[in-house]
Each structure stands twice: as structure tokens, then as C-alpha cells.
Amino acid sequence: MQRPKRTSVYAGMALVAAGVAAAALVVAVVADVREPDDCLRVDDSLTSLIVARSPKGPITPDAANAIEDPFARSRNSVPYGNYYIIVMRWQLPDGATIDGVWGLGTNSPKPERGQALSQHAPVDGRASSLAAITPSAMQWTDWPNRDIPIQEGDPLVQKARECLTHS
């Protein structure tokens, strides 16, 4: 009976270890992609701007988050430098709380890491645009959806909503 060579045993162990390491790397990358690490805080001045155009009465912002939409620029004929999906929860005059989603296209620079998203350019359709995306945002604010290529069904809208639930 012939004894197995030690080198083939060690080679087999090395292949198993490499396979385990590769699988761990794949799991780590997939987990990192799924985390809401793109969530941005929204500056009070931006939430105030959104609710200032409420034709149904005063609404009070409760919480807001945003994420960048890196794909919107490729879907729009009037590209802005940056696009964001803003989700905000607010209180109605009767005390009820609801949320809505808006799209922001802007030529303002991206916020620095750890800083809140704010609006520095006028919302005039040239320097930036703001548009109500969801029915509740359309009902409670007057931001017509002119040139923001973001729809309620976009997967990033759901991701933005998850940011709000985790804040």
C-alpha cells in the first residue's frame, strides 16, 4: 500500500482555505452593497424649502434623508451635475404623520462626507429643480415634476425610504 504524498495533502488544504477566503470576500462585498451606507442627512433649510410650497396648509417636517441617484443623469435630457432622492416624513395640520419623496437635480457640489445635503443654487429649472415624486408629495407640496427623471417605482426610491426608517 502506497502512502499519499504530503504535498498533495497540503495542496488540497491550501485549495480549501483559498476557497473559504474567496467565499468570505464575496459575502463581505455583497453585505456592504446592501447596507444603507449612502444615506445622507437633509439640511433644515432644504426641508423648509420643500414644505414652504404647501397649498393645503402648514406642514411640519419631522425627519428627512436622501440618497444620491447616480443613474438619473443618464436618463435625462437636461442633466444636472447631481441628482438626489429625498424622503421626508412630516406632520399634517391635524397631527397625522405621512411621508413623501422628491427628486432634486442640482449643479451644487456634493456634500462633504458627514455633511447634510443642502441646496445652494436657486430652484429655477436651470441651476436646480425639485419635483414631487410620490402622490403624497404631490398632494401636499407644489413641486411639479418637470425634468427630474426619477419615478416612484425606482429601486433607489425604496432605498431612500429605508434610510428614513433607519434614522
C-alpha atoms as a PDB file:
ATOM      1  CA  MET A   1       0.000   0.000   0.000  1.00  0.00           C
ATOM      2  CA  GLN A   2       1.382   3.333  -1.041  1.00  0.00           C
ATOM      3  CA  ARG A   3       1.257   6.332   1.301  1.00  0.00           C
ATOM      4  CA  PRO A   4      -0.201   9.563  -0.136  1.00  0.00           C
ATOM      5  CA  LYS A   5       2.284  12.274  -0.806  1.00  0.00           C
ATOM      6  CA  ARG A   6       2.309  15.001   1.822  1.00  0.00           C
ATOM      7  CA  THR A   7       2.498  17.719  -0.802  1.00  0.00           C
ATOM      8  CA  SER A   8      -0.839  16.708  -2.323  1.00  0.00           C
ATOM      9  CA  VAL A   9      -2.462  16.809   1.137  1.00  0.00           C
ATOM     10  CA  TYR A  10      -1.041  20.270   1.784  1.00  0.00           C
ATOM     11  CA  ALA A  11      -2.081  21.433  -1.685  1.00  0.00           C
ATOM     12  CA  GLY A  12      -5.625  20.220  -1.046  1.00  0.00           C
ATOM     13  CA  MET A  13      -5.733  22.054   2.288  1.00  0.00           C
ATOM     14  CA  ALA A  14      -4.459  25.211   0.601  1.00  0.00           C
ATOM     15  CA  LEU A  15      -7.189  24.991  -2.052  1.00  0.00           C
ATOM     16  CA  VAL A  16      -9.864  24.572   0.620  1.00  0.00           C
ATOM     17  CA  ALA A  17      -8.501  27.567   2.564  1.00  0.00           C
ATOM     18  CA  ALA A  18      -8.408  29.687  -0.606  1.00  0.00           C
ATOM     19  CA  GLY A  19     -11.999  28.711  -1.400  1.00  0.00           C
ATOM     20  CA  VAL A  20     -13.172  29.656   2.086  1.00  0.00           C
ATOM     21  CA  ALA A  21     -11.347  33.013   1.861  1.00  0.00           C
ATOM     22  CA  ALA A  22     -12.880  33.747  -1.557  1.00  0.00           C
ATOM     23  CA  ALA A  23     -16.371  32.906  -0.285  1.00  0.00           C
ATOM     24  CA  ALA A  24     -15.881  35.181   2.735  1.00  0.00           C
ATOM     25  CA  LEU A  25     -14.795  38.018   0.442  1.00  0.00           C
ATOM     26  CA  VAL A  26     -17.886  37.606  -1.742  1.00  0.00           C
ATOM     27  CA  VAL A  27     -20.152  37.626   1.325  1.00  0.00           C
ATOM     28  CA  ALA A  28     -18.457  40.772   2.654  1.00  0.00           C
ATOM     29  CA  VAL A  29     -18.821  42.614  -0.663  1.00  0.00           C
ATOM     30  CA  VAL A  30     -22.492  41.636  -1.050  1.00  0.00           C
ATOM     31  CA  ALA A  31     -23.261  42.668   2.540  1.00  0.00           C
ATOM     32  CA  ASP A  32     -21.524  46.017   2.007  1.00  0.00           C
ATOM     33  CA  VAL A  33     -23.552  46.754  -1.140  1.00  0.00           C
ATOM     34  CA  ARG A  34     -26.842  46.126   0.646  1.00  0.00           C
ATOM     35  CA  GLU A  35     -26.211  48.367   3.642  1.00  0.00           C
ATOM     36  CA  PRO A  36     -27.773  51.868   3.549  1.00  0.00           C
ATOM     37  CA  ASP A  37     -24.348  53.495   3.671  1.00  0.00           C
ATOM     38  CA  ASP A  38     -25.401  56.067   1.093  1.00  0.00           C
ATOM     39  CA  CYS A  39     -27.920  57.739   3.413  1.00  0.00           C
ATOM     40  CA  LEU A  40     -27.470  61.491   3.702  1.00  0.00           C
ATOM     41  CA  ARG A  41     -28.977  63.785   6.265  1.00  0.00           C
ATOM     42  CA  VAL A  42     -31.041  66.629   4.772  1.00  0.00           C
ATOM     43  CA  ASP A  43     -30.370  70.174   5.947  1.00  0.00           C
ATOM     44  CA  ASP A  44     -33.264  72.003   7.650  1.00  0.00           C
ATOM     45  CA  SER A  45     -33.109  74.738   5.025  1.00  0.00           C
ATOM     46  CA  LEU A  46     -33.881  72.169   2.290  1.00  0.00           C
ATOM     47  CA  THR A  47     -36.812  70.629   4.186  1.00  0.00           C
ATOM     48  CA  SER A  48     -38.116  74.146   4.871  1.00  0.00           C
ATOM     49  CA  LEU A  49     -37.866  74.922   1.152  1.00  0.00           C
ATOM     50  CA  ILE A  50     -39.880  71.800   0.304  1.00  0.00           C
ATOM     51  CA  VAL A  51     -42.700  72.450   2.800  1.00  0.00           C
ATOM     52  CA  ALA A  52     -42.833  76.197   2.057  1.00  0.00           C
ATOM     53  CA  ARG A  53     -44.845  75.350  -1.058  1.00  0.00           C
ATOM     54  CA  SER A  54     -47.702  73.547   0.692  1.00  0.00           C
ATOM     55  CA  PRO A  55     -51.004  74.747  -0.785  1.00  0.00           C
ATOM     56  CA  LYS A  56     -53.077  72.765   1.752  1.00  0.00           C
ATOM     57  CA  GLY A  57     -51.799  74.459   4.871  1.00  0.00           C
ATOM     58  CA  PRO A  58     -48.715  74.398   7.033  1.00  0.00           C
ATOM     59  CA  ILE A  59     -46.905  71.091   7.327  1.00  0.00           C
ATOM     60  CA  THR A  60     -44.048  70.472   9.735  1.00  0.00           C
ATOM     61  CA  PRO A  61     -41.014  68.397   8.728  1.00  0.00           C
ATOM     62  CA  ASP A  62     -40.299  65.585  11.172  1.00  0.00           C
ATOM     63  CA  ALA A  63     -37.353  63.736   9.582  1.00  0.00           C
ATOM     64  CA  ALA A  64     -35.653  63.634   6.193  1.00  0.00           C
ATOM     65  CA  ASN A  65     -32.939  61.649   4.455  1.00  0.00           C
ATOM     66  CA  ALA A  66     -31.626  61.471   0.920  1.00  0.00           C
ATOM     67  CA  ILE A  67     -29.511  59.323  -1.323  1.00  0.00           C
ATOM     68  CA  GLU A  68     -27.666  60.211  -4.479  1.00  0.00           C
ATOM     69  CA  ASP A  69     -29.085  58.790  -7.710  1.00  0.00           C
ATOM     70  CA  PRO A  70     -26.014  58.213  -9.898  1.00  0.00           C
ATOM     71  CA  PHE A  71     -28.147  56.858 -12.761  1.00  0.00           C
ATOM     72  CA  ALA A  72     -30.547  59.804 -13.218  1.00  0.00           C
ATOM     73  CA  ARG A  73     -28.120  61.859 -15.264  1.00  0.00           C
ATOM     74  CA  SER A  74     -28.053  59.210 -17.988  1.00  0.00           C
ATOM     75  CA  ARG A  75     -31.884  59.220 -18.159  1.00  0.00           C
ATOM     76  CA  ASN A  76     -32.375  62.979 -18.541  1.00  0.00           C
ATOM     77  CA  SER A  77     -32.138  65.349 -21.488  1.00  0.00           C
ATOM     78  CA  VAL A  78     -31.378  68.301 -19.171  1.00  0.00           C
ATOM     79  CA  PRO A  79     -28.620  66.902 -16.995  1.00  0.00           C
ATOM     80  CA  TYR A  80     -27.672  68.413 -13.709  1.00  0.00           C
ATOM     81  CA  GLY A  81     -24.391  67.632 -12.059  1.00  0.00           C
ATOM     82  CA  ASN A  82     -26.011  65.627  -9.255  1.00  0.00           C
ATOM     83  CA  TYR A  83     -29.378  64.013  -8.579  1.00  0.00           C
ATOM     84  CA  TYR A  84     -30.799  63.059  -5.193  1.00  0.00           C
ATOM     85  CA  ILE A  85     -33.879  61.286  -3.907  1.00  0.00           C
ATOM     86  CA  ILE A  86     -35.215  62.979  -0.790  1.00  0.00           C
ATOM     87  CA  VAL A  87     -37.659  61.223   1.503  1.00  0.00           C
ATOM     88  CA  MET A  88     -39.299  63.232   4.240  1.00  0.00           C
ATOM     89  CA  ARG A  89     -41.802  62.497   6.982  1.00  0.00           C
ATOM     90  CA  TRP A  90     -43.960  65.423   8.062  1.00  0.00           C
ATOM     91  CA  GLN A  91     -46.833  66.277  10.320  1.00  0.00           C
ATOM     92  CA  LEU A  92     -50.118  67.500   8.865  1.00  0.00           C
ATOM     93  CA  PRO A  93     -52.155  70.294  10.470  1.00  0.00           C
ATOM     94  CA  ASP A  94     -54.456  67.666  12.084  1.00  0.00           C
ATOM     95  CA  GLY A  95     -51.460  65.920  13.721  1.00  0.00           C
ATOM     96  CA  ALA A  96     -51.280  62.925  11.343  1.00  0.00           C
ATOM     97  CA  THR A  97     -47.828  61.954  10.084  1.00  0.00           C
ATOM     98  CA  ILE A  98     -47.113  60.911   6.491  1.00  0.00           C
ATOM     99  CA  ASP A  99     -44.103  60.740   4.206  1.00  0.00           C
ATOM    100  CA  GLY A 100     -43.303  61.645   0.621  1.00  0.00           C
ATOM    101  CA  VAL A 101     -40.486  61.553  -1.894  1.00  0.00           C
ATOM    102  CA  TRP A 102     -38.975  64.318  -4.024  1.00  0.00           C
ATOM    103  CA  GLY A 103     -36.264  64.347  -6.637  1.00  0.00           C
ATOM    104  CA  LEU A 104     -33.607  67.042  -6.645  1.00  0.00           C
ATOM    105  CA  GLY A 105     -31.435  67.774  -9.653  1.00  0.00           C
ATOM    106  CA  THR A 106     -28.730  70.310  -8.926  1.00  0.00           C
ATOM    107  CA  ASN A 107     -25.452  71.725 -10.097  1.00  0.00           C
ATOM    108  CA  SER A 108     -24.445  72.382  -6.482  1.00  0.00           C
ATOM    109  CA  PRO A 109     -21.436  70.401  -5.288  1.00  0.00           C
ATOM    110  CA  LYS A 110     -21.947  67.133  -3.434  1.00  0.00           C
ATOM    111  CA  PRO A 111     -21.959  67.416   0.352  1.00  0.00           C
ATOM    112  CA  GLU A 112     -18.684  66.598   2.067  1.00  0.00           C
ATOM    113  CA  ARG A 113     -18.609  63.244   3.847  1.00  0.00           C
ATOM    114  CA  GLY A 114     -20.659  63.505   7.042  1.00  0.00           C
ATOM    115  CA  GLN A 115     -22.339  66.764   5.969  1.00  0.00           C
ATOM    116  CA  ALA A 116     -26.057  67.180   5.285  1.00  0.00           C
ATOM    117  CA  LEU A 117     -27.494  67.636   1.800  1.00  0.00           C
ATOM    118  CA  SER A 118     -28.398  71.274   1.332  1.00  0.00           C
ATOM    119  CA  GLN A 119     -29.402  73.422  -1.607  1.00  0.00           C
ATOM    120  CA  HIS A 120     -27.133  76.301  -2.590  1.00  0.00           C
ATOM    121  CA  ALA A 121     -28.430  77.022  -6.095  1.00  0.00           C
ATOM    122  CA  PRO A 122     -31.811  78.572  -6.849  1.00  0.00           C
ATOM    123  CA  VAL A 123     -34.569  76.090  -7.661  1.00  0.00           C
ATOM    124  CA  ASP A 124     -35.327  77.682 -11.015  1.00  0.00           C
ATOM    125  CA  GLY A 125     -35.166  74.841 -13.536  1.00  0.00           C
ATOM    126  CA  ARG A 126     -31.692  75.923 -14.657  1.00  0.00           C
ATOM    127  CA  ALA A 127     -29.393  75.719 -11.624  1.00  0.00           C
ATOM    128  CA  SER A 128     -31.574  73.089  -9.981  1.00  0.00           C
ATOM    129  CA  SER A 129     -35.035  71.532  -9.980  1.00  0.00           C
ATOM    130  CA  LEU A 130     -37.132  69.932  -7.298  1.00  0.00           C
ATOM    131  CA  ALA A 131     -40.026  67.616  -8.128  1.00  0.00           C
ATOM    132  CA  ALA A 132     -42.629  65.753  -6.104  1.00  0.00           C
ATOM    133  CA  ILE A 133     -42.362  62.044  -6.937  1.00  0.00           C
ATOM    134  CA  THR A 134     -44.959  60.273  -4.786  1.00  0.00           C
ATOM    135  CA  PRO A 135     -48.694  61.039  -4.621  1.00  0.00           C
ATOM    136  CA  SER A 136     -48.445  62.327  -1.031  1.00  0.00           C
ATOM    137  CA  ALA A 137     -45.617  64.696  -2.014  1.00  0.00           C
ATOM    138  CA  MET A 138     -47.682  65.872  -4.995  1.00  0.00           C
ATOM    139  CA  GLN A 139     -50.771  66.344  -2.833  1.00  0.00           C
ATOM    140  CA  TRP A 140     -49.106  68.295  -0.041  1.00  0.00           C
ATOM    141  CA  THR A 141     -46.449  70.322  -1.892  1.00  0.00           C
ATOM    142  CA  ASP A 142     -46.421  72.250  -5.141  1.00  0.00           C
ATOM    143  CA  TRP A 143     -43.247  70.997  -6.818  1.00  0.00           C
ATOM    144  CA  PRO A 144     -44.249  69.954 -10.339  1.00  0.00           C
ATOM    145  CA  ASN A 145     -42.335  67.075 -11.888  1.00  0.00           C
ATOM    146  CA  ARG A 146     -40.796  68.870 -14.863  1.00  0.00           C
ATOM    147  CA  ASP A 147     -37.356  67.489 -15.567  1.00  0.00           C
ATOM    148  CA  ILE A 148     -36.389  65.050 -12.826  1.00  0.00           C
ATOM    149  CA  PRO A 149     -36.070  61.528 -14.315  1.00  0.00           C
ATOM    150  CA  ILE A 150     -36.927  59.674 -11.108  1.00  0.00           C
ATOM    151  CA  GLN A 151     -40.111  57.625 -10.747  1.00  0.00           C
ATOM    152  CA  GLU A 152     -41.814  56.283  -7.645  1.00  0.00           C
ATOM    153  CA  GLY A 153     -41.059  52.696  -8.710  1.00  0.00           C
ATOM    154  CA  ASP A 154     -37.281  53.196  -8.985  1.00  0.00           C
ATOM    155  CA  PRO A 155     -35.369  50.848  -6.646  1.00  0.00           C
ATOM    156  CA  LEU A 156     -33.437  53.805  -5.236  1.00  0.00           C
ATOM    157  CA  VAL A 157     -36.700  55.353  -4.005  1.00  0.00           C
ATOM    158  CA  GLN A 158     -37.185  52.269  -1.827  1.00  0.00           C
ATOM    159  CA  LYS A 159     -33.578  52.546  -0.643  1.00  0.00           C
ATOM    160  CA  ALA A 160     -34.178  56.193   0.299  1.00  0.00           C
ATOM    161  CA  ARG A 161     -37.278  55.161   2.255  1.00  0.00           C
ATOM    162  CA  GLU A 162     -35.187  52.585   4.110  1.00  0.00           C
ATOM    163  CA  CYS A 163     -32.800  55.391   5.095  1.00  0.00           C
ATOM    164  CA  LEU A 164     -35.697  57.222   6.720  1.00  0.00           C
ATOM    165  CA  THR A 165     -36.801  54.154   8.671  1.00  0.00           C
ATOM    166  CA  HIS A 166     -33.252  53.607   9.961  1.00  0.00           C
ATOM    167  CA  SER A 167     -32.736  57.215  11.089  1.00  0.00           C
END
